[in-house]
Amino acid sequence: MQFIPDEDGPAEIVATLRDALAPGSYLIASHVTNEHNVAGSAAGERAYQRSGVPLHMRDSAEFADIAFTGMHLLPPGVVLVSEWRAGTGPLPLANEVNCYGGVARKP
C-alpha cells in the first residue's frame, strides 16, 4: 500500500481484495510510516521517488483504515512489526522499525 498514492485509491484497491476473500480468511499487511523517524523517513522517501518509485508514508490510523476496515483485528492489533514477536528478545527502538503490521480475520 505504501507504493499506491492516495489519488489512486489504495482503500478501494484493498477493499476489492477484502471483498473477494472468503469468510474466515485472514489478511496480513504492513506499511511504512514516518511517525517515529521523520528525518530518516523523509530521506528514504526522497530516495525512492528519485528512483521513480512512489512511496507514501501513512500513520497507523490511516493504514488500519485502508487495510482492515470491516475485519476483526487479531491481538496485538496494528503495531510496529517488531511487536508481533514481543517476548522473544529485546525490541528495536520505534525509530529503527518505522513499519506497522497487522493481521485481521474476515467475519
N, C-alpha and C. Protein backbone atom coordinates (compact mmCIF):
# COMPACT_ATOMS: atom_id res chain seq x y z
N MET A 1 0.80 -1.19 0.00
CA MET A 1 0.00 0.00 0.00
C MET A 1 0.85 1.26 0.00
N GLN A 2 2.05 1.17 0.52
CA GLN A 2 2.89 2.36 0.59
C GLN A 2 3.34 2.82 -0.79
N PHE A 3 3.13 1.99 -1.80
CA PHE A 3 3.51 2.36 -3.16
C PHE A 3 2.31 2.85 -3.97
N ILE A 4 1.15 2.97 -3.34
CA ILE A 4 -0.06 3.42 -4.02
C ILE A 4 -0.41 4.82 -3.51
N PRO A 5 -0.33 5.82 -4.39
CA PRO A 5 -0.66 7.18 -3.94
C PRO A 5 -2.15 7.32 -3.61
N ASP A 6 -2.46 8.27 -2.77
CA ASP A 6 -3.85 8.49 -2.36
C ASP A 6 -4.77 8.67 -3.56
N GLU A 7 -4.29 9.39 -4.57
CA GLU A 7 -5.15 9.66 -5.73
C GLU A 7 -5.49 8.40 -6.54
N ASP A 8 -4.76 7.31 -6.31
CA ASP A 8 -5.06 6.04 -6.98
C ASP A 8 -5.98 5.15 -6.16
N GLY A 9 -6.41 5.63 -5.01
CA GLY A 9 -7.41 4.93 -4.21
C GLY A 9 -6.96 3.65 -3.55
N PRO A 10 -5.94 3.70 -2.68
CA PRO A 10 -5.49 2.47 -2.03
C PRO A 10 -6.60 1.78 -1.22
N ALA A 11 -7.47 2.55 -0.60
CA ALA A 11 -8.55 1.94 0.20
C ALA A 11 -9.50 1.15 -0.70
N GLU A 12 -9.78 1.68 -1.87
CA GLU A 12 -10.67 0.99 -2.80
C GLU A 12 -10.01 -0.27 -3.36
N ILE A 13 -8.72 -0.20 -3.62
CA ILE A 13 -7.99 -1.37 -4.13
C ILE A 13 -8.01 -2.49 -3.09
N VAL A 14 -7.71 -2.15 -1.84
CA VAL A 14 -7.70 -3.16 -0.79
C VAL A 14 -9.11 -3.66 -0.50
N ALA A 15 -10.11 -2.79 -0.61
CA ALA A 15 -11.50 -3.22 -0.40
C ALA A 15 -11.89 -4.28 -1.43
N THR A 16 -11.42 -4.14 -2.64
CA THR A 16 -11.70 -5.15 -3.67
C THR A 16 -11.11 -6.49 -3.26
N LEU A 17 -9.90 -6.47 -2.73
CA LEU A 17 -9.27 -7.71 -2.24
C LEU A 17 -10.05 -8.28 -1.07
N ARG A 18 -10.38 -7.44 -0.08
CA ARG A 18 -11.13 -7.92 1.09
C ARG A 18 -12.47 -8.51 0.70
N ASP A 19 -13.16 -7.85 -0.23
CA ASP A 19 -14.47 -8.33 -0.66
C ASP A 19 -14.37 -9.70 -1.32
N ALA A 20 -13.25 -9.99 -1.95
CA ALA A 20 -13.08 -11.27 -2.64
C ALA A 20 -12.69 -12.40 -1.68
N LEU A 21 -12.27 -12.07 -0.47
CA LEU A 21 -11.88 -13.10 0.49
C LEU A 21 -13.10 -13.85 1.01
N ALA A 22 -12.93 -15.13 1.22
CA ALA A 22 -13.99 -15.94 1.82
C ALA A 22 -14.10 -15.61 3.31
N PRO A 23 -15.30 -15.70 3.88
CA PRO A 23 -15.43 -15.50 5.33
C PRO A 23 -14.47 -16.45 6.06
N GLY A 24 -13.85 -15.92 7.10
CA GLY A 24 -12.87 -16.70 7.87
C GLY A 24 -11.45 -16.55 7.36
N SER A 25 -11.28 -15.89 6.21
CA SER A 25 -9.93 -15.66 5.66
C SER A 25 -9.21 -14.60 6.47
N TYR A 26 -7.90 -14.63 6.36
CA TYR A 26 -7.06 -13.67 7.06
C TYR A 26 -6.36 -12.76 6.06
N LEU A 27 -6.18 -11.53 6.48
CA LEU A 27 -5.42 -10.56 5.70
C LEU A 27 -4.26 -10.09 6.57
N ILE A 28 -3.07 -10.21 6.04
CA ILE A 28 -1.85 -9.76 6.72
C ILE A 28 -1.28 -8.62 5.89
N ALA A 29 -0.99 -7.50 6.53
CA ALA A 29 -0.48 -6.35 5.80
C ALA A 29 0.51 -5.58 6.65
N SER A 30 1.38 -4.86 5.96
CA SER A 30 2.33 -3.97 6.63
C SER A 30 2.42 -2.67 5.83
N HIS A 31 2.93 -1.65 6.48
CA HIS A 31 3.01 -0.34 5.85
C HIS A 31 4.08 0.49 6.54
N VAL A 32 4.90 1.19 5.76
CA VAL A 32 5.92 2.06 6.35
C VAL A 32 5.28 3.33 6.89
N THR A 33 5.96 3.93 7.84
CA THR A 33 5.47 5.15 8.47
C THR A 33 6.63 6.10 8.72
N ASN A 34 6.31 7.35 8.90
CA ASN A 34 7.32 8.33 9.29
C ASN A 34 7.06 8.86 10.69
N GLU A 35 6.18 8.22 11.42
CA GLU A 35 5.78 8.72 12.74
C GLU A 35 6.91 8.71 13.77
N HIS A 36 7.89 7.85 13.60
CA HIS A 36 8.90 7.68 14.64
C HIS A 36 10.28 8.18 14.24
N ASN A 37 10.47 8.50 12.97
CA ASN A 37 11.76 8.98 12.49
C ASN A 37 11.50 9.85 11.27
N VAL A 38 11.02 11.06 11.51
CA VAL A 38 10.60 11.94 10.43
C VAL A 38 11.75 12.24 9.47
N ALA A 39 12.90 12.62 9.99
CA ALA A 39 14.02 12.98 9.11
C ALA A 39 14.52 11.79 8.31
N GLY A 40 14.72 10.68 8.97
CA GLY A 40 15.20 9.48 8.27
C GLY A 40 14.20 8.97 7.26
N SER A 41 12.93 9.01 7.61
CA SER A 41 11.89 8.54 6.69
C SER A 41 11.79 9.46 5.48
N ALA A 42 11.93 10.76 5.70
CA ALA A 42 11.87 11.71 4.58
C ALA A 42 13.01 11.45 3.60
N ALA A 43 14.18 11.15 4.12
CA ALA A 43 15.32 10.85 3.25
C ALA A 43 15.06 9.58 2.45
N GLY A 44 14.50 8.57 3.10
CA GLY A 44 14.17 7.34 2.40
C GLY A 44 13.11 7.55 1.34
N GLU A 45 12.12 8.35 1.67
CA GLU A 45 11.05 8.64 0.71
C GLU A 45 11.60 9.36 -0.52
N ARG A 46 12.48 10.32 -0.30
CA ARG A 46 13.10 11.04 -1.42
C ARG A 46 13.92 10.09 -2.29
N ALA A 47 14.64 9.17 -1.67
CA ALA A 47 15.46 8.22 -2.43
C ALA A 47 14.57 7.34 -3.32
N TYR A 48 13.47 6.86 -2.79
CA TYR A 48 12.53 6.07 -3.60
C TYR A 48 12.02 6.91 -4.76
N GLN A 49 11.59 8.13 -4.49
CA GLN A 49 11.00 8.97 -5.52
C GLN A 49 12.02 9.35 -6.59
N ARG A 50 13.28 9.57 -6.20
CA ARG A 50 14.33 9.84 -7.19
C ARG A 50 14.53 8.64 -8.12
N SER A 51 14.24 7.45 -7.61
CA SER A 51 14.37 6.24 -8.41
C SER A 51 13.12 5.96 -9.23
N GLY A 52 12.13 6.83 -9.14
CA GLY A 52 10.90 6.65 -9.89
C GLY A 52 9.88 5.76 -9.21
N VAL A 53 10.10 5.45 -7.94
CA VAL A 53 9.18 4.60 -7.19
C VAL A 53 8.43 5.48 -6.20
N PRO A 54 7.11 5.60 -6.37
CA PRO A 54 6.36 6.42 -5.42
C PRO A 54 6.28 5.72 -4.07
N LEU A 55 6.56 6.44 -3.03
CA LEU A 55 6.46 5.90 -1.67
C LEU A 55 5.64 6.87 -0.86
N HIS A 56 4.63 6.35 -0.17
CA HIS A 56 3.72 7.18 0.59
C HIS A 56 3.64 6.67 2.02
N MET A 57 4.21 7.44 2.92
CA MET A 57 4.17 7.10 4.34
C MET A 57 2.77 7.41 4.88
N ARG A 58 2.28 6.53 5.75
CA ARG A 58 0.99 6.77 6.39
C ARG A 58 1.11 6.43 7.87
N ASP A 59 0.28 7.07 8.69
CA ASP A 59 0.32 6.77 10.12
C ASP A 59 -0.50 5.50 10.40
N SER A 60 -0.47 5.05 11.62
CA SER A 60 -1.11 3.78 11.96
C SER A 60 -2.61 3.80 11.72
N ALA A 61 -3.27 4.92 12.01
CA ALA A 61 -4.71 5.00 11.81
C ALA A 61 -5.08 4.94 10.33
N GLU A 62 -4.33 5.66 9.49
CA GLU A 62 -4.58 5.61 8.04
C GLU A 62 -4.39 4.19 7.51
N PHE A 63 -3.30 3.56 7.91
CA PHE A 63 -3.01 2.20 7.48
C PHE A 63 -4.12 1.25 7.91
N ALA A 64 -4.52 1.32 9.16
CA ALA A 64 -5.57 0.43 9.67
C ALA A 64 -6.86 0.63 8.91
N ASP A 65 -7.20 1.87 8.63
CA ASP A 65 -8.43 2.16 7.90
C ASP A 65 -8.38 1.59 6.48
N ILE A 66 -7.27 1.76 5.80
CA ILE A 66 -7.12 1.25 4.44
C ILE A 66 -7.15 -0.28 4.43
N ALA A 67 -6.41 -0.89 5.32
CA ALA A 67 -6.20 -2.34 5.25
C ALA A 67 -7.29 -3.17 5.91
N PHE A 68 -7.81 -2.73 7.04
CA PHE A 68 -8.58 -3.64 7.87
C PHE A 68 -10.03 -3.23 8.15
N THR A 69 -10.56 -2.26 7.44
CA THR A 69 -11.94 -1.85 7.65
C THR A 69 -12.88 -3.04 7.48
N GLY A 70 -13.77 -3.24 8.44
CA GLY A 70 -14.74 -4.32 8.37
C GLY A 70 -14.22 -5.69 8.76
N MET A 71 -12.99 -5.75 9.25
CA MET A 71 -12.40 -7.02 9.65
C MET A 71 -12.14 -6.99 11.16
N HIS A 72 -11.89 -8.17 11.73
CA HIS A 72 -11.58 -8.29 13.15
C HIS A 72 -10.07 -8.40 13.31
N LEU A 73 -9.47 -7.34 13.89
CA LEU A 73 -8.02 -7.36 14.11
C LEU A 73 -7.65 -8.36 15.19
N LEU A 74 -6.59 -9.10 14.94
CA LEU A 74 -6.07 -10.02 15.95
C LEU A 74 -5.11 -9.26 16.85
N PRO A 75 -5.02 -9.64 18.12
CA PRO A 75 -4.06 -9.01 19.02
C PRO A 75 -2.64 -9.26 18.52
N PRO A 76 -1.76 -8.31 18.63
CA PRO A 76 -1.88 -7.04 19.35
C PRO A 76 -2.44 -5.89 18.52
N GLY A 77 -3.04 -6.15 17.37
CA GLY A 77 -3.62 -5.09 16.55
C GLY A 77 -2.60 -4.52 15.57
N VAL A 78 -2.82 -3.28 15.19
CA VAL A 78 -1.88 -2.59 14.31
C VAL A 78 -0.80 -1.98 15.19
N VAL A 79 0.37 -2.57 15.11
CA VAL A 79 1.51 -2.16 15.92
C VAL A 79 2.77 -2.22 15.06
N LEU A 80 3.85 -1.70 15.59
CA LEU A 80 5.12 -1.85 14.88
C LEU A 80 5.38 -3.34 14.67
N VAL A 81 5.89 -3.70 13.51
CA VAL A 81 6.06 -5.12 13.19
C VAL A 81 6.93 -5.84 14.20
N SER A 82 7.84 -5.16 14.82
CA SER A 82 8.70 -5.79 15.82
C SER A 82 7.91 -6.25 17.05
N GLU A 83 6.76 -5.65 17.30
CA GLU A 83 5.96 -6.01 18.47
C GLU A 83 5.16 -7.29 18.27
N TRP A 84 5.12 -7.80 17.07
CA TRP A 84 4.42 -9.06 16.83
C TRP A 84 5.17 -10.23 17.41
N ARG A 85 6.43 -10.08 17.68
CA ARG A 85 7.22 -11.15 18.29
C ARG A 85 7.73 -10.72 19.66
N ALA A 86 7.00 -9.84 20.29
CA ALA A 86 7.41 -9.35 21.61
C ALA A 86 7.60 -10.53 22.55
N GLY A 87 8.60 -10.44 23.38
CA GLY A 87 8.89 -11.51 24.32
C GLY A 87 9.94 -12.48 23.82
N THR A 88 10.39 -12.29 22.58
CA THR A 88 11.41 -13.19 22.03
C THR A 88 12.81 -12.61 22.15
N GLY A 89 12.90 -11.44 22.74
CA GLY A 89 14.20 -10.80 22.90
C GLY A 89 14.00 -9.30 22.95
N PRO A 90 15.09 -8.56 23.04
CA PRO A 90 14.96 -7.11 23.10
C PRO A 90 14.38 -6.57 21.78
N LEU A 91 13.49 -5.61 21.90
CA LEU A 91 12.89 -4.99 20.73
C LEU A 91 13.71 -3.80 20.26
N PRO A 92 13.77 -3.59 18.95
CA PRO A 92 14.44 -2.38 18.47
C PRO A 92 13.60 -1.16 18.83
N LEU A 93 14.22 0.00 18.79
CA LEU A 93 13.50 1.24 19.04
C LEU A 93 12.53 1.50 17.90
N ALA A 94 11.45 2.21 18.20
CA ALA A 94 10.43 2.50 17.18
C ALA A 94 11.03 3.21 15.97
N ASN A 95 11.99 4.12 16.20
CA ASN A 95 12.58 4.84 15.08
C ASN A 95 13.53 3.98 14.25
N GLU A 96 13.79 2.76 14.68
CA GLU A 96 14.58 1.81 13.90
C GLU A 96 13.68 0.89 13.08
N VAL A 97 12.40 0.87 13.38
CA VAL A 97 11.47 -0.05 12.72
C VAL A 97 10.68 0.67 11.64
N ASN A 98 9.91 1.67 12.03
CA ASN A 98 9.15 2.50 11.09
C ASN A 98 8.24 1.73 10.15
N CYS A 99 7.68 0.65 10.62
CA CYS A 99 6.79 -0.15 9.79
C CYS A 99 5.72 -0.78 10.68
N TYR A 100 4.47 -0.54 10.34
CA TYR A 100 3.35 -1.14 11.07
C TYR A 100 2.91 -2.43 10.39
N GLY A 101 2.34 -3.30 11.17
CA GLY A 101 1.79 -4.53 10.63
C GLY A 101 0.54 -4.92 11.40
N GLY A 102 -0.25 -5.75 10.77
CA GLY A 102 -1.45 -6.23 11.42
C GLY A 102 -1.95 -7.48 10.72
N VAL A 103 -2.76 -8.22 11.46
CA VAL A 103 -3.42 -9.42 10.94
C VAL A 103 -4.89 -9.30 11.32
N ALA A 104 -5.75 -9.53 10.36
CA ALA A 104 -7.19 -9.44 10.63
C ALA A 104 -7.93 -10.59 9.95
N ARG A 105 -9.07 -10.94 10.52
CA ARG A 105 -9.89 -12.03 10.01
C ARG A 105 -11.19 -11.46 9.47
N LYS A 106 -11.57 -11.94 8.30
CA LYS A 106 -12.85 -11.51 7.71
C LYS A 106 -13.98 -12.26 8.39
N PRO A 107 -15.00 -11.53 8.87
CA PRO A 107 -16.12 -12.21 9.56
C PRO A 107 -16.88 -13.13 8.60
